[in-house]
Each structure stands twice: as C-alpha cells, then as structure tokens.
Amino acid sequence: MRSDDVRSLLQSAVPTAVAGALAAVISGIVVGGKGAVGAVVATVVVMLFMGIGFLVLQRTAKSLPHLFQAMGLMLYTAQILLLFVFLAVFKNTTLFHPKAFAITLVATTLVWIGAQARAHMKAKILYVEPESMKGDKPGNSGPKP
C-alpha cells in the first residue's frame, strides 16, 4: 500500500474512531453500559466495512482501473447487504442497546464519508501520469512562423 493511501485511510479512520468513542461515552451516560457497548460495536462495524472497502477499491484502481466505478458501486451495495445481514442476526439481541447502535452507526458512517471526502479534496492527485524520464522535450506541433 502506498503511503498516500495509508494517509488517506488514517485521515478517515481517526475521526471515525474519535466520533465512536464520543458516541460510546454519550450512550454510556444516557442509556448505560449496553448503550456504550452498542456504540462500540457500531463503530467497529463501520470501520471494518469502510476500511475493507477502501482497500478493495485501492487495489482495483491499481490493477483494473477500467472497473473502478463498477467495483465501487458493487462494493457499496455489498456493504449495505452485509449490514442488513448483521442487523437481521442481531435483531433481538440483548448484548447492546439497539438505538445507541443505530444512531452511532449512522453518525460514524457520516463522519467516515466526510473525512474521506476531505482527505480526497486535500490530496494532490496527478490527473495525468508523467512520462518516463527519456530526457526528450516534446516538439512544437503548432504552426511554424
């Protein structure tokens, strides 16, 4: 993984972890221990889903750039389906407070997306790959005086 990919991943993961910790404290105060557990579980789920998705998209961009957009759409669809499966499995759980889980899940997802958008906007990404170092200067193909 390139260093700018790691930087972009960290710029998304750190604010999400901070938001999750804040949500766990607030849920713990408002709802109790089960609220804090729900917030922590939601934060871990978001960081795993989004982090793995980020890594898959970076690999796709390098190896199959022509499939990047389709892979992104398929990946986000798969993430939502996996989330529905996770919610169905833990539908009637007593391990954590479901409302604290849901609110934290939405909040941390929005924080991840916002932080990822900010990281992308601040990144200096080349639009054109520079030529290899041939040392040749391109000729002027314009009209001759």
N, C-alpha and C. Protein backbone atom coordinates (compact mmCIF):
# COMPACT_ATOMS: atom_id res chain seq x y z
N MET A 1 0.85 -1.17 0.00
CA MET A 1 0.00 0.00 0.00
C MET A 1 0.89 1.23 0.00
N ARG A 2 0.54 2.17 -0.86
CA ARG A 2 1.34 3.39 -0.96
C ARG A 2 1.12 4.27 0.26
N SER A 3 2.08 5.15 0.52
CA SER A 3 2.00 5.99 1.71
C SER A 3 0.83 6.97 1.64
N ASP A 4 0.47 7.45 0.43
CA ASP A 4 -0.67 8.35 0.35
C ASP A 4 -1.98 7.60 0.58
N ASP A 5 -2.04 6.30 0.26
CA ASP A 5 -3.22 5.50 0.58
C ASP A 5 -3.35 5.32 2.08
N VAL A 6 -2.23 5.07 2.74
CA VAL A 6 -2.24 4.92 4.21
C VAL A 6 -2.67 6.22 4.86
N ARG A 7 -2.14 7.34 4.35
CA ARG A 7 -2.51 8.65 4.89
C ARG A 7 -4.01 8.90 4.71
N SER A 8 -4.54 8.59 3.56
CA SER A 8 -5.97 8.79 3.31
C SER A 8 -6.81 7.89 4.20
N LEU A 9 -6.37 6.65 4.40
CA LEU A 9 -7.09 5.74 5.28
C LEU A 9 -7.07 6.24 6.72
N LEU A 10 -5.92 6.71 7.17
CA LEU A 10 -5.83 7.23 8.54
C LEU A 10 -6.65 8.51 8.72
N GLN A 11 -6.70 9.35 7.67
CA GLN A 11 -7.48 10.58 7.76
C GLN A 11 -8.97 10.29 7.83
N SER A 12 -9.39 9.09 7.45
CA SER A 12 -10.78 8.70 7.59
C SER A 12 -11.02 7.92 8.89
N ALA A 13 -10.07 7.06 9.25
CA ALA A 13 -10.26 6.18 10.39
C ALA A 13 -10.16 6.91 11.73
N VAL A 14 -9.25 7.85 11.83
CA VAL A 14 -9.05 8.53 13.12
C VAL A 14 -10.27 9.35 13.53
N PRO A 15 -10.83 10.21 12.66
CA PRO A 15 -12.04 10.93 13.07
C PRO A 15 -13.21 10.00 13.37
N THR A 16 -13.29 8.87 12.66
CA THR A 16 -14.37 7.92 12.92
C THR A 16 -14.20 7.28 14.29
N ALA A 17 -12.98 6.94 14.64
CA ALA A 17 -12.72 6.36 15.96
C ALA A 17 -13.02 7.36 17.07
N VAL A 18 -12.66 8.62 16.84
CA VAL A 18 -12.95 9.66 17.84
C VAL A 18 -14.46 9.84 17.99
N ALA A 19 -15.18 9.89 16.86
CA ALA A 19 -16.64 10.02 16.91
C ALA A 19 -17.27 8.81 17.61
N GLY A 20 -16.72 7.61 17.36
CA GLY A 20 -17.23 6.41 18.02
C GLY A 20 -16.98 6.43 19.52
N ALA A 21 -15.82 6.89 19.92
CA ALA A 21 -15.52 6.99 21.35
C ALA A 21 -16.44 8.00 22.03
N LEU A 22 -16.66 9.13 21.36
CA LEU A 22 -17.58 10.14 21.90
C LEU A 22 -19.00 9.57 22.00
N ALA A 23 -19.42 8.83 20.97
CA ALA A 23 -20.75 8.22 20.99
C ALA A 23 -20.85 7.18 22.10
N ALA A 24 -19.78 6.44 22.35
CA ALA A 24 -19.80 5.44 23.42
C ALA A 24 -19.93 6.11 24.78
N VAL A 25 -19.24 7.22 24.98
CA VAL A 25 -19.35 7.94 26.25
C VAL A 25 -20.76 8.49 26.43
N ILE A 26 -21.29 9.13 25.39
CA ILE A 26 -22.64 9.71 25.49
C ILE A 26 -23.68 8.60 25.69
N SER A 27 -23.56 7.50 24.93
CA SER A 27 -24.50 6.39 25.08
C SER A 27 -24.39 5.76 26.46
N GLY A 28 -23.17 5.67 26.97
CA GLY A 28 -22.98 5.12 28.31
C GLY A 28 -23.62 5.98 29.38
N ILE A 29 -23.56 7.29 29.20
CA ILE A 29 -24.18 8.20 30.18
C ILE A 29 -25.69 8.16 30.07
N VAL A 30 -26.20 8.20 28.83
CA VAL A 30 -27.65 8.29 28.62
C VAL A 30 -28.35 6.96 28.86
N VAL A 31 -27.81 5.87 28.30
CA VAL A 31 -28.50 4.58 28.33
C VAL A 31 -27.89 3.61 29.33
N GLY A 32 -26.60 3.72 29.54
CA GLY A 32 -25.93 2.79 30.43
C GLY A 32 -24.89 1.96 29.70
N GLY A 33 -24.47 0.90 30.31
CA GLY A 33 -23.42 0.06 29.76
C GLY A 33 -23.76 -0.55 28.42
N LYS A 34 -25.01 -0.98 28.24
CA LYS A 34 -25.41 -1.57 26.98
C LYS A 34 -25.39 -0.54 25.85
N GLY A 35 -25.65 0.70 26.16
CA GLY A 35 -25.56 1.75 25.15
C GLY A 35 -24.12 1.96 24.70
N ALA A 36 -23.20 1.93 25.65
CA ALA A 36 -21.78 2.07 25.31
C ALA A 36 -21.31 0.90 24.47
N VAL A 37 -21.74 -0.30 24.82
CA VAL A 37 -21.37 -1.48 24.03
C VAL A 37 -21.94 -1.37 22.62
N GLY A 38 -23.17 -0.92 22.48
CA GLY A 38 -23.77 -0.74 21.16
C GLY A 38 -23.01 0.26 20.32
N ALA A 39 -22.59 1.35 20.94
CA ALA A 39 -21.82 2.36 20.21
C ALA A 39 -20.46 1.82 19.77
N VAL A 40 -19.81 1.06 20.62
CA VAL A 40 -18.51 0.48 20.27
C VAL A 40 -18.67 -0.54 19.15
N VAL A 41 -19.68 -1.38 19.23
CA VAL A 41 -19.93 -2.37 18.17
C VAL A 41 -20.21 -1.67 16.84
N ALA A 42 -21.01 -0.63 16.86
CA ALA A 42 -21.33 0.11 15.63
C ALA A 42 -20.07 0.75 15.04
N THR A 43 -19.24 1.30 15.89
CA THR A 43 -18.00 1.92 15.41
C THR A 43 -17.08 0.89 14.78
N VAL A 44 -16.95 -0.26 15.40
CA VAL A 44 -16.10 -1.32 14.85
C VAL A 44 -16.66 -1.81 13.52
N VAL A 45 -17.98 -1.97 13.43
CA VAL A 45 -18.60 -2.42 12.18
C VAL A 45 -18.33 -1.41 11.06
N VAL A 46 -18.52 -0.13 11.34
CA VAL A 46 -18.30 0.89 10.32
C VAL A 46 -16.83 0.92 9.90
N MET A 47 -15.93 0.88 10.84
CA MET A 47 -14.50 0.94 10.50
C MET A 47 -14.06 -0.30 9.71
N LEU A 48 -14.59 -1.46 10.06
CA LEU A 48 -14.24 -2.66 9.30
C LEU A 48 -14.81 -2.61 7.89
N PHE A 49 -16.09 -2.32 7.77
CA PHE A 49 -16.73 -2.30 6.45
C PHE A 49 -16.09 -1.24 5.56
N MET A 50 -15.95 -0.03 6.06
CA MET A 50 -15.42 1.05 5.24
C MET A 50 -13.92 0.87 4.97
N GLY A 51 -13.18 0.39 5.94
CA GLY A 51 -11.75 0.17 5.74
C GLY A 51 -11.48 -0.92 4.72
N ILE A 52 -12.19 -2.02 4.82
CA ILE A 52 -12.01 -3.09 3.84
C ILE A 52 -12.45 -2.61 2.46
N GLY A 53 -13.53 -1.87 2.40
CA GLY A 53 -13.99 -1.31 1.13
C GLY A 53 -12.96 -0.38 0.52
N PHE A 54 -12.34 0.44 1.34
CA PHE A 54 -11.29 1.34 0.86
C PHE A 54 -10.13 0.57 0.27
N LEU A 55 -9.70 -0.47 0.97
CA LEU A 55 -8.57 -1.27 0.50
C LEU A 55 -8.90 -1.99 -0.81
N VAL A 56 -10.11 -2.52 -0.91
CA VAL A 56 -10.52 -3.20 -2.14
C VAL A 56 -10.55 -2.22 -3.30
N LEU A 57 -11.07 -1.03 -3.08
CA LEU A 57 -11.12 -0.04 -4.15
C LEU A 57 -9.72 0.42 -4.57
N GLN A 58 -8.80 0.54 -3.64
CA GLN A 58 -7.44 0.94 -3.99
C GLN A 58 -6.77 -0.14 -4.83
N ARG A 59 -6.97 -1.39 -4.47
CA ARG A 59 -6.39 -2.49 -5.27
C ARG A 59 -7.00 -2.53 -6.66
N THR A 60 -8.31 -2.32 -6.73
CA THR A 60 -8.99 -2.32 -8.03
C THR A 60 -8.48 -1.17 -8.89
N ALA A 61 -8.29 -0.01 -8.30
CA ALA A 61 -7.82 1.15 -9.05
C ALA A 61 -6.44 0.89 -9.65
N LYS A 62 -5.61 0.15 -8.94
CA LYS A 62 -4.26 -0.13 -9.44
C LYS A 62 -4.26 -1.22 -10.50
N SER A 63 -4.98 -2.29 -10.26
CA SER A 63 -4.89 -3.43 -11.16
C SER A 63 -5.91 -3.39 -12.30
N LEU A 64 -7.11 -2.91 -12.05
CA LEU A 64 -8.16 -2.89 -13.07
C LEU A 64 -8.85 -1.52 -13.08
N PRO A 65 -8.17 -0.48 -13.53
CA PRO A 65 -8.76 0.85 -13.44
C PRO A 65 -10.04 1.02 -14.24
N HIS A 66 -10.23 0.22 -15.28
CA HIS A 66 -11.44 0.34 -16.07
C HIS A 66 -12.67 -0.19 -15.34
N LEU A 67 -12.47 -0.96 -14.28
CA LEU A 67 -13.58 -1.49 -13.48
C LEU A 67 -13.80 -0.73 -12.17
N PHE A 68 -13.09 0.37 -12.01
CA PHE A 68 -13.12 1.08 -10.72
C PHE A 68 -14.52 1.54 -10.34
N GLN A 69 -15.23 2.20 -11.23
CA GLN A 69 -16.56 2.72 -10.90
C GLN A 69 -17.54 1.59 -10.63
N ALA A 70 -17.53 0.57 -11.48
CA ALA A 70 -18.44 -0.56 -11.28
C ALA A 70 -18.12 -1.28 -9.97
N MET A 71 -16.85 -1.40 -9.66
CA MET A 71 -16.45 -2.06 -8.42
C MET A 71 -16.90 -1.24 -7.21
N GLY A 72 -16.81 0.07 -7.32
CA GLY A 72 -17.27 0.92 -6.22
C GLY A 72 -18.76 0.75 -5.97
N LEU A 73 -19.54 0.74 -7.02
CA LEU A 73 -20.99 0.55 -6.87
C LEU A 73 -21.32 -0.82 -6.29
N MET A 74 -20.63 -1.85 -6.80
CA MET A 74 -20.87 -3.19 -6.28
C MET A 74 -20.44 -3.31 -4.82
N LEU A 75 -19.33 -2.67 -4.49
CA LEU A 75 -18.83 -2.74 -3.12
C LEU A 75 -19.79 -2.08 -2.14
N TYR A 76 -20.30 -0.90 -2.48
CA TYR A 76 -21.24 -0.23 -1.58
C TYR A 76 -22.54 -1.00 -1.45
N THR A 77 -22.98 -1.64 -2.53
CA THR A 77 -24.17 -2.49 -2.46
C THR A 77 -23.91 -3.68 -1.54
N ALA A 78 -22.75 -4.30 -1.69
CA ALA A 78 -22.40 -5.44 -0.83
C ALA A 78 -22.30 -5.02 0.63
N GLN A 79 -21.75 -3.82 0.89
CA GLN A 79 -21.66 -3.35 2.27
C GLN A 79 -23.04 -3.17 2.89
N ILE A 80 -23.97 -2.62 2.13
CA ILE A 80 -25.32 -2.42 2.66
C ILE A 80 -26.00 -3.77 2.90
N LEU A 81 -25.82 -4.71 1.97
CA LEU A 81 -26.40 -6.04 2.17
C LEU A 81 -25.80 -6.74 3.39
N LEU A 82 -24.49 -6.63 3.56
CA LEU A 82 -23.86 -7.22 4.75
C LEU A 82 -24.35 -6.56 6.04
N LEU A 83 -24.58 -5.28 5.97
CA LEU A 83 -25.12 -4.58 7.15
C LEU A 83 -26.53 -5.08 7.47
N PHE A 84 -27.34 -5.29 6.44
CA PHE A 84 -28.69 -5.83 6.68
C PHE A 84 -28.61 -7.23 7.29
N VAL A 85 -27.66 -8.04 6.82
CA VAL A 85 -27.48 -9.37 7.40
C VAL A 85 -27.07 -9.24 8.86
N PHE A 86 -26.14 -8.35 9.15
CA PHE A 86 -25.69 -8.13 10.53
C PHE A 86 -26.87 -7.70 11.41
N LEU A 87 -27.68 -6.77 10.89
CA LEU A 87 -28.84 -6.30 11.66
C LEU A 87 -29.87 -7.41 11.86
N ALA A 88 -30.06 -8.26 10.86
CA ALA A 88 -31.02 -9.36 10.98
C ALA A 88 -30.55 -10.38 12.01
N VAL A 89 -29.25 -10.65 12.04
CA VAL A 89 -28.72 -11.62 13.01
C VAL A 89 -28.85 -11.09 14.44
N PHE A 90 -28.59 -9.78 14.63
CA PHE A 90 -28.64 -9.20 15.97
C PHE A 90 -29.93 -8.43 16.23
N LYS A 91 -30.99 -8.81 15.55
CA LYS A 91 -32.27 -8.09 15.64
C LYS A 91 -32.83 -8.06 17.07
N ASN A 92 -32.85 -9.18 17.72
CA ASN A 92 -33.43 -9.25 19.07
C ASN A 92 -32.37 -9.48 20.14
N THR A 93 -31.21 -8.91 19.94
CA THR A 93 -30.12 -9.14 20.89
C THR A 93 -30.32 -8.34 22.17
N THR A 94 -29.76 -8.88 23.22
CA THR A 94 -29.73 -8.15 24.49
C THR A 94 -28.29 -7.79 24.86
N LEU A 95 -27.36 -7.99 23.91
CA LEU A 95 -25.96 -7.67 24.17
C LEU A 95 -25.71 -6.17 24.22
N PHE A 96 -26.47 -5.41 23.42
CA PHE A 96 -26.28 -3.97 23.37
C PHE A 96 -27.60 -3.29 23.08
N HIS A 97 -27.63 -2.00 23.31
CA HIS A 97 -28.83 -1.18 23.09
C HIS A 97 -28.98 -0.89 21.60
N PRO A 98 -30.09 -1.32 20.97
CA PRO A 98 -30.21 -1.18 19.51
C PRO A 98 -30.28 0.27 19.02
N LYS A 99 -30.89 1.16 19.78
CA LYS A 99 -30.97 2.56 19.32
C LYS A 99 -29.60 3.24 19.39
N ALA A 100 -28.86 2.96 20.43
CA ALA A 100 -27.50 3.51 20.52
C ALA A 100 -26.65 2.97 19.39
N PHE A 101 -26.82 1.69 19.07
CA PHE A 101 -26.11 1.09 17.95
C PHE A 101 -26.47 1.78 16.64
N ALA A 102 -27.75 1.96 16.39
CA ALA A 102 -28.21 2.53 15.13
C ALA A 102 -27.76 3.98 14.95
N ILE A 103 -27.91 4.77 16.00
CA ILE A 103 -27.52 6.18 15.91
C ILE A 103 -26.01 6.30 15.70
N THR A 104 -25.24 5.50 16.42
CA THR A 104 -23.79 5.53 16.26
C THR A 104 -23.38 5.03 14.89
N LEU A 105 -24.07 4.02 14.38
CA LEU A 105 -23.77 3.50 13.05
C LEU A 105 -23.93 4.59 11.99
N VAL A 106 -25.03 5.30 12.04
CA VAL A 106 -25.27 6.37 11.07
C VAL A 106 -24.27 7.51 11.26
N ALA A 107 -24.05 7.91 12.50
CA ALA A 107 -23.15 9.04 12.77
C ALA A 107 -21.72 8.73 12.34
N THR A 108 -21.21 7.55 12.69
CA THR A 108 -19.83 7.23 12.33
C THR A 108 -19.68 7.01 10.82
N THR A 109 -20.71 6.51 10.17
CA THR A 109 -20.67 6.39 8.71
C THR A 109 -20.57 7.76 8.05
N LEU A 110 -21.36 8.70 8.54
CA LEU A 110 -21.30 10.07 8.00
C LEU A 110 -19.94 10.72 8.28
N VAL A 111 -19.38 10.46 9.45
CA VAL A 111 -18.06 11.00 9.76
C VAL A 111 -17.01 10.40 8.83
N TRP A 112 -17.08 9.08 8.60
CA TRP A 112 -16.12 8.44 7.69
C TRP A 112 -16.22 9.04 6.30
N ILE A 113 -17.44 9.16 5.78
CA ILE A 113 -17.62 9.68 4.42
C ILE A 113 -17.14 11.13 4.33
N GLY A 114 -17.46 11.94 5.32
CA GLY A 114 -17.00 13.33 5.33
C GLY A 114 -15.48 13.43 5.42
N ALA A 115 -14.88 12.62 6.27
CA ALA A 115 -13.43 12.64 6.41
C ALA A 115 -12.75 12.13 5.15
N GLN A 116 -13.34 11.13 4.51
CA GLN A 116 -12.76 10.61 3.27
C GLN A 116 -12.87 11.65 2.15
N ALA A 117 -13.99 12.35 2.09
CA ALA A 117 -14.14 13.40 1.08
C ALA A 117 -13.13 14.52 1.33
N ARG A 118 -12.94 14.89 2.58
CA ARG A 118 -11.97 15.94 2.91
C ARG A 118 -10.55 15.50 2.55
N ALA A 119 -10.21 14.25 2.87
CA ALA A 119 -8.88 13.73 2.54
C ALA A 119 -8.65 13.71 1.04
N HIS A 120 -9.68 13.36 0.29
CA HIS A 120 -9.55 13.33 -1.16
C HIS A 120 -9.38 14.74 -1.74
N MET A 121 -10.11 15.70 -1.17
CA MET A 121 -10.01 17.08 -1.66
C MET A 121 -8.63 17.69 -1.36
N LYS A 122 -8.02 17.30 -0.25
CA LYS A 122 -6.73 17.85 0.14
C LYS A 122 -5.56 17.11 -0.51
N ALA A 123 -5.81 15.91 -1.05
CA ALA A 123 -4.74 15.13 -1.67
C ALA A 123 -4.34 15.77 -3.00
N LYS A 124 -3.07 15.69 -3.28
CA LYS A 124 -2.56 16.19 -4.56
C LYS A 124 -2.41 15.00 -5.49
N ILE A 125 -3.47 14.73 -6.24
CA ILE A 125 -3.52 13.57 -7.11
C ILE A 125 -3.24 14.01 -8.54
N LEU A 126 -2.29 13.32 -9.18
CA LEU A 126 -1.97 13.63 -10.57
C LEU A 126 -3.11 13.16 -11.47
N TYR A 127 -3.51 14.01 -12.38
CA TYR A 127 -4.55 13.64 -13.33
C TYR A 127 -3.97 12.90 -14.52
N VAL A 128 -2.72 13.16 -14.84
CA VAL A 128 -2.04 12.54 -15.96
C VAL A 128 -0.76 11.92 -15.42
N GLU A 129 -0.50 10.69 -15.81
CA GLU A 129 0.74 10.05 -15.39
C GLU A 129 1.90 10.69 -16.14
N PRO A 130 2.92 11.13 -15.44
CA PRO A 130 4.06 11.75 -16.12
C PRO A 130 4.80 10.72 -16.97
N GLU A 131 5.40 11.19 -18.06
CA GLU A 131 6.17 10.32 -18.94
C GLU A 131 7.40 9.81 -18.20
N SER A 132 7.92 8.71 -18.68
CA SER A 132 9.16 8.20 -18.09
C SER A 132 10.28 9.18 -18.42
N MET A 133 11.35 9.08 -17.71
CA MET A 133 12.44 10.04 -17.85
C MET A 133 13.26 9.72 -19.09
N LYS A 134 12.82 10.20 -20.25
CA LYS A 134 13.54 10.00 -21.50
C LYS A 134 14.53 11.11 -21.75
N GLY A 135 14.24 12.28 -21.23
CA GLY A 135 15.11 13.41 -21.45
C GLY A 135 14.76 14.17 -22.71
N ASP A 136 13.84 13.66 -23.50
CA ASP A 136 13.43 14.34 -24.73
C ASP A 136 12.39 15.39 -24.41
N LYS A 137 12.49 16.51 -25.09
CA LYS A 137 11.48 17.54 -24.93
C LYS A 137 10.49 17.38 -26.07
N PRO A 138 9.21 17.53 -25.80
CA PRO A 138 8.24 17.39 -26.87
C PRO A 138 8.41 18.51 -27.89
N GLY A 139 8.24 18.14 -29.14
CA GLY A 139 8.37 19.13 -30.21
C GLY A 139 7.12 19.98 -30.31
N ASN A 140 7.26 21.15 -30.86
CA ASN A 140 6.14 22.05 -31.05
C ASN A 140 5.42 21.64 -32.34
N SER A 141 4.19 21.21 -32.21
CA SER A 141 3.46 20.76 -33.37
C SER A 141 2.55 21.86 -33.92
N GLY A 142 2.69 23.05 -33.42
CA GLY A 142 1.86 24.18 -33.87
C GLY A 142 2.35 24.73 -35.20
N PRO A 143 1.69 25.74 -35.70
CA PRO A 143 2.09 26.33 -36.98
C PRO A 143 3.48 26.97 -36.88
N LYS A 144 4.21 26.88 -37.96
CA LYS A 144 5.57 27.43 -37.99
C LYS A 144 5.52 28.87 -38.48
N PRO A 145 6.28 29.77 -37.85
CA PRO A 145 6.24 31.19 -38.27
C PRO A 145 6.98 31.44 -39.54
